[in-house]
Amino acid sequence: MAPPSPPRLPGPLPGRYGAEALAVWTGRRLREEWLASPAWRWLAGRPRPEGFALEPRDFRPPDPENGRRILAGAFVLAGASLTIGPRGDPWDRASPDRRFATALHRFGWLADLTALGREGAAEGLRLTLEWRRVFDRWNSFVWGPEALERRVFNLACHARTLCVGASEAETALIAASLSRQARTLLGQGGGPARAAERACAAAVAGAALSGEAGERLLARGLAALERALPHTVGPDGGHASRSPEAALELLFDLETLDDALAQHGRAPPEAVLRALDALAGAVRFLTLADGRLAAFQGGAASTPAHVAAARAAEIADRPIPPACNGYQRLEGQALQVLADAAAPAEGPWSVAACGQPLAVEVLAGGRRLIVGAGWSPDAPGPQALRVADAASTAVLGDAPCGEPLRGFPAAVLGPRLACACGPVQCERREAEGAVWLEMAHDGWGRRFGLRHERRLFLDTAADEVRGEDRLVPLKPGEADERRFIPFTVRFHLAPEVSALVARDRRSVLLKPEGDEAGWWLRNDALEVSLEPSIAFQGGEARRTQQIVLRGQARAKSGARVRWKLSSAAAPVDPKKPEA
């Protein structure tokens, strides 16, 4: 059963977000009244589909083990579980939480059931018909965009398999339900942030349905998709949200649409072909040496098998650029660094964005070494993990550099990132055996009058990274020389990495699993400590540690911290200065 809707009466309205939220809330209420009306129900049911013409292929790998759990009567979704017993009904009882309910009503579990063959398809058919019996009439949660978009896509990809063992009447019911849901998806709006994903899902449903109903849906979905793609996918293939995971998932959706159109004997629109090519390049760039994605800006790292499934058709020798979608990639012999060198997304695109400017992830020997929390909207983690403390970057005065909306604006607009840093300056230089990267932002300038500059130098011959974090006064002549501002530079470690502070209290030995020698992180901070942290993997929170470098920045002159990451197996050159 769906959780209750949020309160309908607005509370205090903080500034411009409150005014925008009130306008959106008013428009949404009017639209909801229309979508719940008998007139819309009649219109959305015409013309009636004639069944299913084909089954679009979802290229995401299924999880048969999850399908077997469902057959045994247990749903484990979004970090929560619900036990209903074999052939139980999950629709007539309360869900553990809203995240679980959203995953349940998205029907992503259909792929796991159909992967089991006839028995799984029969259970999927039963659960789908039971859902229709309970939720066929519109309500704001089940038929809202948060659940509807993915349910339309998943039903379209698996309905034909479900209906192999169904009667003609049951097939007609499921086809009619999918048609009405897809029309509602196109008619309910929802802003630009997922317009391409909504249009693609509707087009896939149109391709799956036969008759005039399918043709009309396909034409409308393709037209909406052509309008949305230029705003969603940049020339370099980056997603407008700057989430690597969002780029991967849209690539999956477009590959499914391309397959469905091929089954129809139709060529995809030019905009779809361009987006497929661009997204494939971006996903290649954002896939790190362990086969998983970089976990930035509300995107989870995913699994190697999931990422590889989307990249199966890519051109193997396609070169990887040094930068894409605001991220910079530095490659050594064993070290790999990805840096977030751009501002987070704004407005509707920022509902999963993170205020973590100049954050880095580092891999050593193909293993994750330095990471961020890896928060994503589907992970059971608090919104607080979207701020700078949860990333490997610098933080001034324990103050956020952008934080999610709260209260009524968040309930209406989504938890957009507010008061984030502005433009990020980035300069990259390369020479034989070396890469320099200089980045800077003024996100703390208004509050503290300081600019954060991060410099990275990758020595490919020595296979080491040297870094410098500087806090530079924006107006040194106006600053109070007696004012000191505490700051930290944090390095969150992957859960598989152990850490030990050396006797000099300046060096930390990092040892990933399987790496006998490990890596030294040396620095010249005033204070070095190891503290608890968490990182999300596979949607689950895992305990880990973080290295915290502390210092005091004088408002008039600033401060700096230098650090170096090098292999513990490498011989120490006494003539070479430390960081």
Protein backbone atom coordinates (compact mmCIF):
# COMPACT_ATOMS: atom_id res chain seq x y z
CA MET A 1 0.00 0.00 0.00
CA ALA A 2 1.26 3.48 -0.80
CA PRO A 3 2.36 5.75 2.05
CA PRO A 4 0.23 8.78 2.84
CA SER A 5 0.72 11.91 0.77
CA PRO A 6 2.56 14.86 2.37
CA PRO A 7 0.43 17.55 4.04
CA ARG A 8 -1.44 19.64 1.50
CA LEU A 9 -1.32 22.94 3.36
CA PRO A 10 1.89 24.94 2.96
CA GLY A 11 3.89 26.08 5.97
CA PRO A 12 6.46 28.89 6.19
CA LEU A 13 7.87 29.91 2.83
CA PRO A 14 11.61 30.68 2.84
CA GLY A 15 12.26 33.31 0.19
CA ARG A 16 12.11 32.72 -3.53
CA TYR A 17 11.94 28.94 -3.15
CA GLY A 18 8.76 29.33 -1.15
CA ALA A 19 7.16 31.53 -3.83
CA GLU A 20 8.15 29.09 -6.58
CA ALA A 21 6.92 26.14 -4.51
CA LEU A 22 3.55 27.81 -3.92
CA ALA A 23 3.12 28.41 -7.67
CA VAL A 24 4.10 24.83 -8.52
CA TRP A 25 1.89 23.45 -5.75
CA THR A 26 -1.13 25.37 -7.06
CA GLY A 27 -0.56 24.18 -10.63
CA ARG A 28 -0.01 20.62 -9.48
CA ARG A 29 -3.22 20.58 -7.45
CA LEU A 30 -5.20 21.71 -10.49
CA ARG A 31 -3.51 19.09 -12.67
CA GLU A 32 -4.15 16.38 -10.09
CA GLU A 33 -7.85 17.25 -9.98
CA TRP A 34 -7.99 16.87 -13.77
CA LEU A 35 -6.07 13.57 -13.80
CA ALA A 36 -8.38 12.15 -11.13
CA SER A 37 -11.52 13.14 -13.03
CA PRO A 38 -13.79 10.70 -14.93
CA ALA A 39 -13.29 12.80 -18.08
CA TRP A 40 -9.51 12.20 -18.08
CA ARG A 41 -10.00 8.51 -17.31
CA TRP A 42 -12.25 8.24 -20.37
CA LEU A 43 -9.86 10.17 -22.61
CA ALA A 44 -6.77 8.27 -21.43
CA GLY A 45 -8.49 4.99 -22.28
CA ARG A 46 -9.05 5.89 -25.95
CA PRO A 47 -8.23 4.40 -28.38
CA ARG A 48 -7.98 0.93 -26.88
CA PRO A 49 -4.85 -1.10 -27.68
CA GLU A 50 -5.18 -4.35 -29.58
CA GLY A 51 -2.68 -6.26 -27.48
CA PHE A 52 1.10 -6.36 -27.65
CA ALA A 53 3.06 -6.04 -30.88
CA LEU A 54 6.52 -6.85 -29.49
CA GLU A 55 8.65 -6.93 -26.35
CA PRO A 56 11.33 -4.23 -26.07
CA ARG A 57 14.56 -5.53 -24.58
CA ASP A 58 15.74 -4.00 -21.31
CA PHE A 59 19.53 -4.32 -21.39
CA ARG A 60 19.88 -4.03 -17.61
CA PRO A 61 21.01 -7.39 -16.17
CA PRO A 62 18.32 -9.01 -13.99
CA ASP A 63 18.86 -10.42 -10.51
CA PRO A 64 17.42 -13.97 -10.50
CA GLU A 65 18.19 -14.34 -6.79
CA ASN A 66 15.82 -11.46 -6.06
CA GLY A 67 13.22 -13.17 -8.22
CA ARG A 68 13.56 -16.34 -6.18
CA ARG A 69 13.09 -14.34 -2.96
CA ILE A 70 9.85 -12.90 -4.36
CA LEU A 71 8.61 -16.38 -5.30
CA ALA A 72 9.32 -17.39 -1.71
CA GLY A 73 7.25 -14.43 -0.48
CA ALA A 74 9.82 -11.78 0.43
CA PHE A 75 10.35 -8.38 -1.24
CA VAL A 76 13.76 -6.85 -0.49
CA LEU A 77 13.85 -3.40 -2.10
CA ALA A 78 15.68 -0.12 -1.39
CA GLY A 79 17.30 -1.38 1.79
CA ALA A 80 14.05 -2.62 3.38
CA SER A 81 12.06 -5.85 3.28
CA LEU A 82 8.46 -7.00 3.35
CA THR A 83 7.51 -10.64 3.96
CA ILE A 84 4.17 -11.67 2.47
CA GLY A 85 4.60 -15.42 2.07
CA PRO A 86 4.33 -17.41 -1.18
CA ARG A 87 1.64 -15.98 -3.49
CA GLY A 88 0.99 -13.23 -0.95
CA ASP A 89 -0.32 -9.78 -1.78
CA PRO A 90 2.07 -6.84 -1.22
CA TRP A 91 -0.59 -4.31 -2.26
CA ASP A 92 -2.94 -4.75 0.71
CA ARG A 93 -0.44 -3.90 3.47
CA ALA A 94 1.72 -0.98 4.52
CA SER A 95 5.22 -0.66 3.08
CA PRO A 96 8.19 -0.33 5.49
CA ASP A 97 8.96 3.18 4.21
CA ARG A 98 8.39 5.51 1.28
CA ARG A 99 11.58 4.47 -0.51
CA PHE A 100 10.46 0.82 -0.43
CA ALA A 101 6.97 1.75 -1.64
CA THR A 102 8.43 3.70 -4.57
CA ALA A 103 10.62 0.76 -5.61
CA LEU A 104 7.67 -1.63 -5.27
CA HIS A 105 5.40 0.48 -7.47
CA ARG A 106 8.12 1.01 -10.07
CA PHE A 107 7.95 -2.72 -10.95
CA GLY A 108 11.71 -3.04 -11.41
CA TRP A 109 11.41 -6.50 -9.85
CA LEU A 110 9.51 -7.77 -12.92
CA ALA A 111 12.81 -8.38 -14.74
CA ASP A 112 14.03 -10.52 -11.84
CA LEU A 113 10.88 -12.63 -11.96
CA THR A 114 10.73 -13.10 -15.73
CA ALA A 115 14.39 -14.19 -15.69
CA LEU A 116 13.20 -17.34 -13.87
CA GLY A 117 11.10 -18.55 -16.78
CA ARG A 118 7.48 -19.69 -16.75
CA GLU A 119 7.07 -19.83 -12.97
CA GLY A 120 8.43 -16.30 -12.51
CA ALA A 121 6.33 -14.92 -15.36
CA ALA A 122 3.18 -16.45 -13.86
CA GLU A 123 3.91 -14.80 -10.51
CA GLY A 124 4.61 -11.50 -12.27
CA LEU A 125 1.26 -11.76 -14.06
CA ARG A 126 -0.56 -12.43 -10.79
CA LEU A 127 1.09 -9.49 -9.01
CA THR A 128 0.41 -7.16 -11.95
CA LEU A 129 -3.28 -8.09 -12.08
CA GLU A 130 -3.56 -7.65 -8.30
CA TRP A 131 -1.93 -4.22 -8.60
CA ARG A 132 -4.45 -3.23 -11.25
CA ARG A 133 -7.34 -4.38 -9.06
CA VAL A 134 -6.18 -2.19 -6.15
CA PHE A 135 -4.56 0.81 -7.89
CA ASP A 136 -6.30 1.14 -11.24
CA ARG A 137 -7.77 4.48 -10.19
CA TRP A 138 -5.48 7.49 -10.03
CA ASN A 139 -3.84 8.65 -6.80
CA SER A 140 -1.02 11.13 -6.34
CA PHE A 141 1.62 8.65 -5.19
CA VAL A 142 1.08 5.51 -7.26
CA TRP A 143 0.29 7.49 -10.41
CA GLY A 144 2.76 10.29 -9.68
CA PRO A 145 5.94 10.67 -11.76
CA GLU A 146 8.20 9.23 -9.05
CA ALA A 147 6.77 5.73 -9.57
CA LEU A 148 4.83 5.96 -12.85
CA GLU A 149 7.75 6.59 -15.22
CA ARG A 150 9.68 3.44 -14.30
CA ARG A 151 6.53 1.31 -14.01
CA VAL A 152 5.53 2.20 -17.58
CA PHE A 153 9.00 1.31 -18.82
CA ASN A 154 9.21 -1.98 -16.90
CA LEU A 155 5.71 -3.10 -17.83
CA ALA A 156 6.37 -2.32 -21.49
CA CYS A 157 9.53 -4.44 -21.45
CA HIS A 158 7.96 -7.49 -19.78
CA ALA A 159 4.20 -7.42 -20.41
CA ARG A 160 4.33 -9.70 -23.44
CA THR A 161 6.23 -12.36 -21.48
CA LEU A 162 3.75 -12.02 -18.60
CA CYS A 163 0.82 -12.53 -20.94
CA VAL A 164 2.09 -15.78 -22.49
CA GLY A 165 0.12 -17.66 -19.85
CA ALA A 166 -2.72 -15.13 -19.57
CA SER A 167 -6.23 -15.31 -20.96
CA GLU A 168 -7.34 -12.93 -23.71
CA ALA A 169 -9.28 -10.91 -21.15
CA GLU A 170 -6.26 -10.61 -18.82
CA THR A 171 -4.03 -9.58 -21.73
CA ALA A 172 -6.52 -6.92 -22.74
CA LEU A 173 -6.66 -5.59 -19.16
CA ILE A 174 -2.87 -5.28 -18.90
CA ALA A 175 -2.56 -3.69 -22.36
CA ALA A 176 -5.29 -1.17 -21.55
CA SER A 177 -3.68 -0.37 -18.20
CA LEU A 178 -0.24 0.18 -19.77
CA SER A 179 -1.76 2.40 -22.46
CA ARG A 180 -3.57 4.57 -19.90
CA GLN A 181 -0.51 4.83 -17.67
CA ALA A 182 1.69 5.90 -20.60
CA ARG A 183 -0.81 8.55 -21.69
CA THR A 184 -0.99 9.83 -18.10
CA LEU A 185 2.80 9.95 -17.98
CA LEU A 186 2.87 12.20 -21.05
CA GLY A 187 -0.01 14.33 -19.79
CA GLN A 188 1.02 15.06 -16.20
CA GLY A 189 4.07 17.24 -16.87
CA GLY A 190 6.77 17.22 -14.23
CA GLY A 191 9.37 19.73 -15.35
CA PRO A 192 12.53 19.34 -17.43
CA ALA A 193 14.63 17.25 -15.04
CA ARG A 194 13.28 13.86 -16.19
CA ALA A 195 11.45 14.91 -19.33
CA ALA A 196 13.67 12.74 -21.57
CA GLU A 197 13.24 9.69 -19.33
CA ARG A 198 9.44 10.14 -19.24
CA ALA A 199 9.19 10.55 -23.00
CA CYS A 200 11.43 7.54 -23.61
CA ALA A 201 9.32 5.35 -21.31
CA ALA A 202 6.13 6.41 -23.10
CA ALA A 203 7.70 5.76 -26.51
CA VAL A 204 8.83 2.28 -25.41
CA ALA A 205 5.27 1.57 -24.24
CA GLY A 206 3.92 2.78 -27.60
CA ALA A 207 6.33 0.48 -29.43
CA ALA A 208 5.21 -2.49 -27.29
CA LEU A 209 1.46 -1.95 -27.86
CA SER A 210 -0.24 -2.85 -31.11
CA GLY A 211 -2.83 -0.98 -33.13
CA GLU A 212 -3.65 2.71 -33.33
CA ALA A 213 -3.12 3.18 -29.58
CA GLY A 214 0.49 2.06 -29.86
CA GLU A 215 1.17 4.15 -32.97
CA ARG A 216 -0.17 7.31 -31.36
CA LEU A 217 1.77 6.77 -28.15
CA LEU A 218 4.98 6.07 -30.04
CA ALA A 219 4.61 9.22 -32.15
CA ARG A 220 3.87 11.42 -29.11
CA GLY A 221 6.68 9.88 -27.08
CA LEU A 222 9.25 10.33 -29.85
CA ALA A 223 8.21 13.94 -30.43
CA ALA A 224 8.54 14.73 -26.71
CA LEU A 225 11.88 12.91 -26.58
CA GLU A 226 13.30 14.93 -29.47
CA ARG A 227 12.36 18.13 -27.63
CA ALA A 228 13.84 16.99 -24.30
CA LEU A 229 17.13 15.37 -25.33
CA PRO A 230 19.02 18.58 -26.29
CA HIS A 231 18.32 19.96 -22.78
CA THR A 232 19.23 16.68 -21.04
CA VAL A 233 22.34 15.44 -22.85
CA GLY A 234 25.23 17.82 -23.47
CA PRO A 235 27.51 17.74 -26.53
CA ASP A 236 30.05 15.68 -24.57
CA GLY A 237 27.36 13.22 -23.43
CA GLY A 238 27.10 14.49 -19.88
CA HIS A 239 23.69 14.42 -18.22
CA ALA A 240 22.34 17.85 -17.23
CA SER A 241 22.13 16.68 -13.59
CA ARG A 242 25.88 15.88 -13.73
CA SER A 243 25.09 12.47 -12.19
CA PRO A 244 27.16 9.69 -13.80
CA GLU A 245 24.47 7.18 -12.85
CA ALA A 246 21.77 9.30 -14.53
CA ALA A 247 23.79 9.21 -17.77
CA LEU A 248 24.12 5.42 -17.52
CA GLU A 249 20.40 4.87 -16.87
CA LEU A 250 19.32 7.14 -19.73
CA LEU A 251 21.72 5.25 -22.00
CA PHE A 252 19.99 2.00 -21.00
CA ASP A 253 16.56 3.49 -21.75
CA LEU A 254 17.59 4.78 -25.17
CA GLU A 255 19.19 1.44 -26.05
CA THR A 256 15.85 -0.22 -25.25
CA LEU A 257 13.99 2.27 -27.45
CA ASP A 258 16.50 1.72 -30.26
CA ASP A 259 15.90 -2.04 -29.99
CA ALA A 260 12.11 -1.59 -30.05
CA LEU A 261 12.26 0.62 -33.13
CA ALA A 262 14.53 -1.92 -34.84
CA GLN A 263 11.93 -4.62 -34.16
CA HIS A 264 9.39 -2.32 -35.82
CA GLY A 265 11.75 -1.85 -38.78
CA ARG A 266 12.02 1.89 -38.09
CA ALA A 267 15.09 4.09 -37.82
CA PRO A 268 15.49 6.12 -34.61
CA PRO A 269 15.23 9.91 -34.85
CA GLU A 270 18.51 11.72 -35.38
CA ALA A 271 18.32 13.23 -31.88
CA VAL A 272 18.18 9.73 -30.37
CA LEU A 273 21.18 8.54 -32.39
CA ARG A 274 23.22 11.58 -31.35
CA ALA A 275 22.29 11.09 -27.68
CA LEU A 276 23.16 7.39 -27.80
CA ASP A 277 26.60 8.13 -29.21
CA ALA A 278 27.28 10.99 -26.79
CA LEU A 279 26.05 9.12 -23.69
CA ALA A 280 28.14 6.07 -24.59
CA GLY A 281 31.25 8.27 -24.66
CA ALA A 282 30.38 9.91 -21.33
CA VAL A 283 29.74 6.56 -19.62
CA ARG A 284 33.07 5.28 -20.94
CA PHE A 285 34.80 8.33 -19.43
CA LEU A 286 32.99 7.99 -16.09
CA THR A 287 33.72 4.25 -15.74
CA LEU A 288 36.78 3.80 -13.56
CA ALA A 289 39.39 1.06 -13.51
CA ASP A 290 37.31 -1.26 -11.29
CA GLY A 291 34.48 -1.28 -13.84
CA ARG A 292 32.16 0.87 -11.71
CA LEU A 293 31.09 4.48 -12.13
CA ALA A 294 32.52 7.48 -10.36
CA ALA A 295 30.11 8.20 -7.49
CA PHE A 296 29.56 11.96 -7.75
CA GLN A 297 26.55 14.32 -7.69
CA GLY A 298 23.92 11.89 -6.46
CA GLY A 299 25.01 8.99 -8.63
CA ALA A 300 25.81 5.58 -7.18
CA ALA A 301 28.85 3.61 -8.40
CA SER A 302 26.65 0.70 -9.55
CA THR A 303 28.19 -2.74 -10.22
CA PRO A 304 30.68 -3.77 -12.92
CA ALA A 305 28.11 -6.11 -14.49
CA HIS A 306 25.47 -3.36 -14.64
CA VAL A 307 27.87 -0.86 -16.22
CA ALA A 308 29.28 -3.43 -18.64
CA ALA A 309 25.79 -4.30 -19.90
CA ALA A 310 25.28 -0.72 -21.11
CA ARG A 311 28.74 -0.61 -22.69
CA ALA A 312 28.48 -3.93 -24.54
CA ALA A 313 28.01 -2.28 -27.94
CA GLU A 314 30.56 0.53 -27.60
CA ILE A 315 33.56 0.98 -29.87
CA ALA A 316 36.48 -0.59 -28.01
CA ASP A 317 39.27 1.65 -29.27
CA ARG A 318 37.38 4.90 -28.81
CA PRO A 319 39.74 7.37 -27.08
CA ILE A 320 38.85 8.63 -23.59
CA PRO A 321 39.02 12.42 -23.33
CA PRO A 322 40.70 14.09 -20.32
CA ALA A 323 37.49 15.89 -19.29
CA CYS A 324 33.73 15.38 -19.60
CA ASN A 325 30.66 16.98 -18.02
CA GLY A 326 32.79 19.05 -15.65
CA TYR A 327 34.90 16.12 -14.42
CA GLN A 328 38.66 15.83 -14.90
CA ARG A 329 40.40 12.47 -15.25
CA LEU A 330 44.08 11.93 -14.43
CA GLU A 331 45.73 8.60 -15.31
CA GLY A 332 49.00 7.23 -13.93
CA GLN A 333 50.50 3.76 -14.03
CA ALA A 334 48.59 2.50 -10.99
CA LEU A 335 46.82 5.68 -9.84
CA GLN A 336 43.61 7.02 -11.32
CA VAL A 337 42.08 10.31 -10.14
CA LEU A 338 38.71 11.80 -11.01
CA ALA A 339 38.01 15.35 -9.83
CA ASP A 340 34.72 17.25 -9.74
CA ALA A 341 35.79 20.51 -11.39
CA ALA A 342 32.43 22.18 -12.04
CA ALA A 343 29.53 23.64 -10.11
CA PRO A 344 26.61 21.35 -9.22
CA ALA A 345 23.46 21.41 -11.32
CA GLU A 346 20.91 24.13 -10.61
CA GLY A 347 17.14 24.43 -10.34
CA PRO A 348 15.06 21.34 -11.19
CA TRP A 349 18.19 19.44 -12.19
CA SER A 350 19.62 19.73 -8.66
CA VAL A 351 17.22 17.45 -6.74
CA ALA A 352 20.07 14.94 -6.28
CA ALA A 353 23.02 17.33 -6.68
CA CYS A 354 25.68 17.55 -3.97
CA GLY A 355 27.43 20.64 -2.58
CA GLN A 356 30.89 19.07 -2.64
CA PRO A 357 33.07 21.30 -4.84
CA LEU A 358 36.50 20.05 -5.94
CA ALA A 359 35.89 16.57 -4.51
CA VAL A 360 38.11 13.73 -5.73
CA GLU A 361 38.03 9.95 -6.02
CA VAL A 362 41.27 7.99 -6.27
CA LEU A 363 41.87 4.40 -7.38
CA ALA A 364 45.15 2.55 -6.86
CA GLY A 365 45.86 -0.59 -8.83
CA GLY A 366 42.23 -0.73 -9.94
CA ARG A 367 40.95 -0.61 -6.33
CA ARG A 368 38.98 2.24 -4.76
CA LEU A 369 41.16 4.09 -2.28
CA ILE A 370 39.75 7.59 -1.66
CA VAL A 371 36.03 8.06 -2.26
CA GLY A 372 32.98 10.04 -1.14
CA ALA A 373 29.92 8.82 0.72
CA GLY A 374 28.35 7.75 -2.59
CA TRP A 375 24.89 9.04 -1.64
CA SER A 376 22.12 8.62 -4.21
CA PRO A 377 18.34 9.15 -4.09
CA ASP A 378 17.78 5.38 -3.98
CA ALA A 379 20.23 4.84 -1.10
CA PRO A 380 18.83 4.74 2.46
CA GLY A 381 20.98 7.66 3.58
CA PRO A 382 20.13 11.10 4.97
CA GLN A 383 20.19 14.27 2.88
CA ALA A 384 23.09 15.46 5.06
CA LEU A 385 25.38 13.23 2.99
CA ARG A 386 24.96 15.68 0.09
CA VAL A 387 27.12 18.36 1.77
CA ALA A 388 30.89 18.85 1.65
CA ASP A 389 31.68 16.90 4.84
CA ALA A 390 30.67 13.68 3.06
CA ALA A 391 33.19 14.11 0.23
CA SER A 392 36.95 14.15 -0.14
CA THR A 393 37.41 17.89 -0.25
CA ALA A 394 37.95 20.91 2.01
CA VAL A 395 35.36 22.35 4.41
CA LEU A 396 35.48 25.75 6.13
CA GLY A 397 34.06 26.31 9.59
CA ASP A 398 31.85 23.19 9.43
CA ALA A 399 29.60 25.21 7.11
CA PRO A 400 27.91 23.65 4.06
CA CYS A 401 28.68 24.91 0.58
CA GLY A 402 25.12 24.29 -0.57
CA GLU A 403 22.49 22.18 1.18
CA PRO A 404 19.14 20.57 0.27
CA LEU A 405 15.87 22.42 0.59
CA ARG A 406 13.67 21.49 3.54
CA GLY A 407 10.04 21.82 4.54
CA PHE A 408 7.28 22.80 2.15
CA PRO A 409 9.59 23.84 -0.73
CA ALA A 410 11.31 20.43 -0.62
CA ALA A 411 7.96 18.61 -0.52
CA VAL A 412 6.83 20.41 -3.68
CA LEU A 413 10.01 21.12 -5.66
CA GLY A 414 12.01 18.16 -4.41
CA PRO A 415 15.13 18.46 -2.24
CA ARG A 416 16.93 20.83 -4.62
CA LEU A 417 20.40 21.99 -3.70
CA ALA A 418 20.25 25.60 -2.51
CA CYS A 419 23.01 28.18 -1.99
CA ALA A 420 25.62 26.05 -3.77
CA CYS A 421 28.93 27.39 -5.01
CA GLY A 422 28.96 29.37 -8.23
CA PRO A 423 31.22 28.78 -11.21
CA VAL A 424 34.33 26.67 -10.69
CA GLN A 425 37.54 27.73 -12.40
CA CYS A 426 39.66 24.93 -13.81
CA GLU A 427 42.95 24.90 -15.70
CA ARG A 428 44.70 21.77 -16.92
CA ARG A 429 48.24 21.48 -18.25
CA GLU A 430 50.04 18.39 -19.47
CA ALA A 431 53.65 17.56 -20.22
CA GLU A 432 55.55 14.34 -20.72
CA GLY A 433 55.10 12.30 -17.56
CA ALA A 434 53.07 14.92 -15.71
CA VAL A 435 49.56 16.43 -15.44
CA TRP A 436 48.73 19.66 -13.53
CA LEU A 437 45.20 20.52 -12.51
CA GLU A 438 44.27 23.80 -10.81
CA MET A 439 40.71 24.33 -9.57
CA ALA A 440 39.06 27.05 -7.49
CA HIS A 441 35.65 28.20 -6.25
CA ASP A 442 34.25 31.05 -4.13
CA GLY A 443 31.49 29.08 -2.42
CA TRP A 444 32.59 30.24 1.04
CA GLY A 445 33.46 33.76 -0.07
CA ARG A 446 30.33 35.51 1.19
CA ARG A 447 30.49 33.96 4.65
CA PHE A 448 34.25 33.76 5.29
CA GLY A 449 35.84 35.90 2.58
CA LEU A 450 38.05 32.98 1.47
CA ARG A 451 38.50 31.24 -1.87
CA HIS A 452 39.26 27.50 -1.98
CA GLU A 453 41.96 26.51 -4.47
CA ARG A 454 42.93 22.88 -5.03
CA ARG A 455 46.00 21.98 -7.05
CA LEU A 456 46.74 18.43 -8.16
CA PHE A 457 49.97 17.21 -9.76
CA LEU A 458 50.19 13.66 -11.11
CA ASP A 459 53.72 12.41 -11.65
CA THR A 460 53.16 9.46 -13.97
CA ALA A 461 56.80 8.31 -13.79
CA ALA A 462 56.86 8.14 -9.98
CA ASP A 463 53.16 7.20 -9.92
CA GLU A 464 52.28 9.65 -7.17
CA VAL A 465 49.80 12.49 -6.69
CA ARG A 466 50.74 15.71 -4.92
CA GLY A 467 48.01 18.03 -3.79
CA GLU A 468 47.70 21.46 -2.26
CA ASP A 469 44.55 22.96 -0.76
CA ARG A 470 44.82 26.73 -0.33
CA LEU A 471 42.42 29.17 1.29
CA VAL A 472 43.03 32.57 -0.25
CA PRO A 473 41.48 35.87 1.00
CA LEU A 474 39.21 37.49 -1.59
CA LYS A 475 39.73 40.98 -0.07
CA PRO A 476 42.82 40.82 2.15
CA GLY A 477 42.78 44.58 2.76
CA GLU A 478 39.32 44.39 4.38
CA ALA A 479 39.82 41.18 6.38
CA ASP A 480 40.23 41.12 10.17
CA GLU A 481 43.74 39.86 10.89
CA ARG A 482 42.62 38.63 14.31
CA ARG A 483 39.96 36.33 12.89
CA PHE A 484 40.80 32.64 12.49
CA ILE A 485 38.53 30.18 10.69
CA PRO A 486 38.85 26.44 11.35
CA PHE A 487 38.94 24.21 8.31
CA THR A 488 39.29 20.52 7.46
CA VAL A 489 40.48 18.59 4.43
CA ARG A 490 38.83 15.18 4.38
CA PHE A 491 39.77 11.97 2.58
CA HIS A 492 37.05 9.35 2.91
CA LEU A 493 38.36 5.83 2.44
CA ALA A 494 36.70 2.95 0.62
CA PRO A 495 35.30 0.30 3.00
CA GLU A 496 37.93 -2.23 1.85
CA VAL A 497 40.80 0.10 2.85
CA SER A 498 42.49 -0.05 6.27
CA ALA A 499 44.38 2.96 7.61
CA LEU A 500 47.08 3.50 10.23
CA VAL A 501 48.56 6.82 11.37
CA ALA A 502 52.36 6.65 11.56
CA ARG A 503 54.42 7.72 14.58
CA ASP A 504 55.25 11.06 12.98
CA ARG A 505 51.49 11.91 13.13
CA ARG A 506 51.85 13.32 9.62
CA SER A 507 51.68 10.15 7.52
CA VAL A 508 48.86 7.65 7.09
CA LEU A 509 49.38 4.19 5.60
CA LEU A 510 46.45 3.05 3.43
CA LYS A 511 46.15 -0.62 2.55
CA PRO A 512 43.40 -1.75 0.17
CA GLU A 513 42.45 -5.44 0.27
CA GLY A 514 44.93 -7.45 -1.77
CA ASP A 515 47.61 -4.73 -1.73
CA GLU A 516 50.40 -5.89 0.58
CA ALA A 517 52.50 -2.72 0.35
CA GLY A 518 49.81 -0.05 0.47
CA TRP A 519 50.02 3.71 -0.10
CA TRP A 520 51.31 6.59 2.04
CA LEU A 521 49.31 9.78 2.41
CA ARG A 522 51.78 12.35 3.75
CA ASN A 523 50.84 15.91 4.65
CA ASP A 524 51.86 19.02 6.58
CA ALA A 525 48.55 19.72 8.40
CA LEU A 526 48.53 20.96 11.99
CA GLU A 527 46.47 17.95 13.10
CA VAL A 528 45.79 14.56 11.52
CA SER A 529 43.17 12.09 12.74
CA LEU A 530 41.26 9.00 11.66
CA GLU A 531 37.52 9.22 12.20
CA PRO A 532 34.50 7.02 11.41
CA SER A 533 32.70 7.44 8.10
CA ILE A 534 30.25 5.59 5.88
CA ALA A 535 30.16 4.78 2.17
CA PHE A 536 27.30 3.36 0.14
CA GLN A 537 27.88 0.27 -1.97
CA GLY A 538 25.08 -1.53 -3.74
CA GLY A 539 22.57 0.74 -2.01
CA GLU A 540 23.75 -0.29 1.46
CA ALA A 541 25.69 1.80 3.98
CA ARG A 542 29.06 0.35 5.00
CA ARG A 543 31.28 1.49 7.84
CA THR A 544 34.63 2.95 6.86
CA GLN A 545 37.10 5.63 7.96
CA GLN A 546 38.13 9.09 6.89
CA ILE A 547 41.41 10.93 7.21
CA VAL A 548 40.78 14.43 8.57
CA LEU A 549 43.43 17.14 8.23
CA ARG A 550 42.67 20.14 10.45
CA GLY A 551 43.99 23.67 10.47
CA GLN A 552 43.21 27.35 11.13
CA ALA A 553 42.98 29.89 8.33
CA ARG A 554 43.68 33.54 9.14
CA ALA A 555 41.01 35.70 7.46
CA LYS A 556 43.66 38.17 6.26
CA SER A 557 46.30 35.74 4.96
CA GLY A 558 44.53 32.39 4.48
CA ALA A 559 46.19 28.99 4.87
CA ARG A 560 47.35 25.96 2.94
CA VAL A 561 47.76 22.21 3.40
CA ARG A 562 50.02 20.12 1.20
CA TRP A 563 49.68 16.36 0.82
CA LYS A 564 51.11 13.55 -1.27
CA LEU A 565 49.90 10.06 -2.14
CA SER A 566 52.63 7.60 -3.11
CA SER A 567 53.20 3.87 -3.09
CA ALA A 568 54.62 2.40 0.10
CA ALA A 569 56.57 -0.03 -2.07
CA ALA A 570 58.42 2.76 -3.88
CA PRO A 571 61.94 3.60 -2.62
CA VAL A 572 62.23 6.96 -0.86
CA ASP A 573 64.49 9.47 -2.60
CA PRO A 574 66.19 11.55 0.15
CA LYS A 575 66.89 14.35 -2.32
CA LYS A 576 63.25 14.67 -3.27
CA PRO A 577 61.28 17.03 -0.99
CA GLU A 578 58.16 15.73 0.71
CA ALA A 579 54.77 17.34 0.26
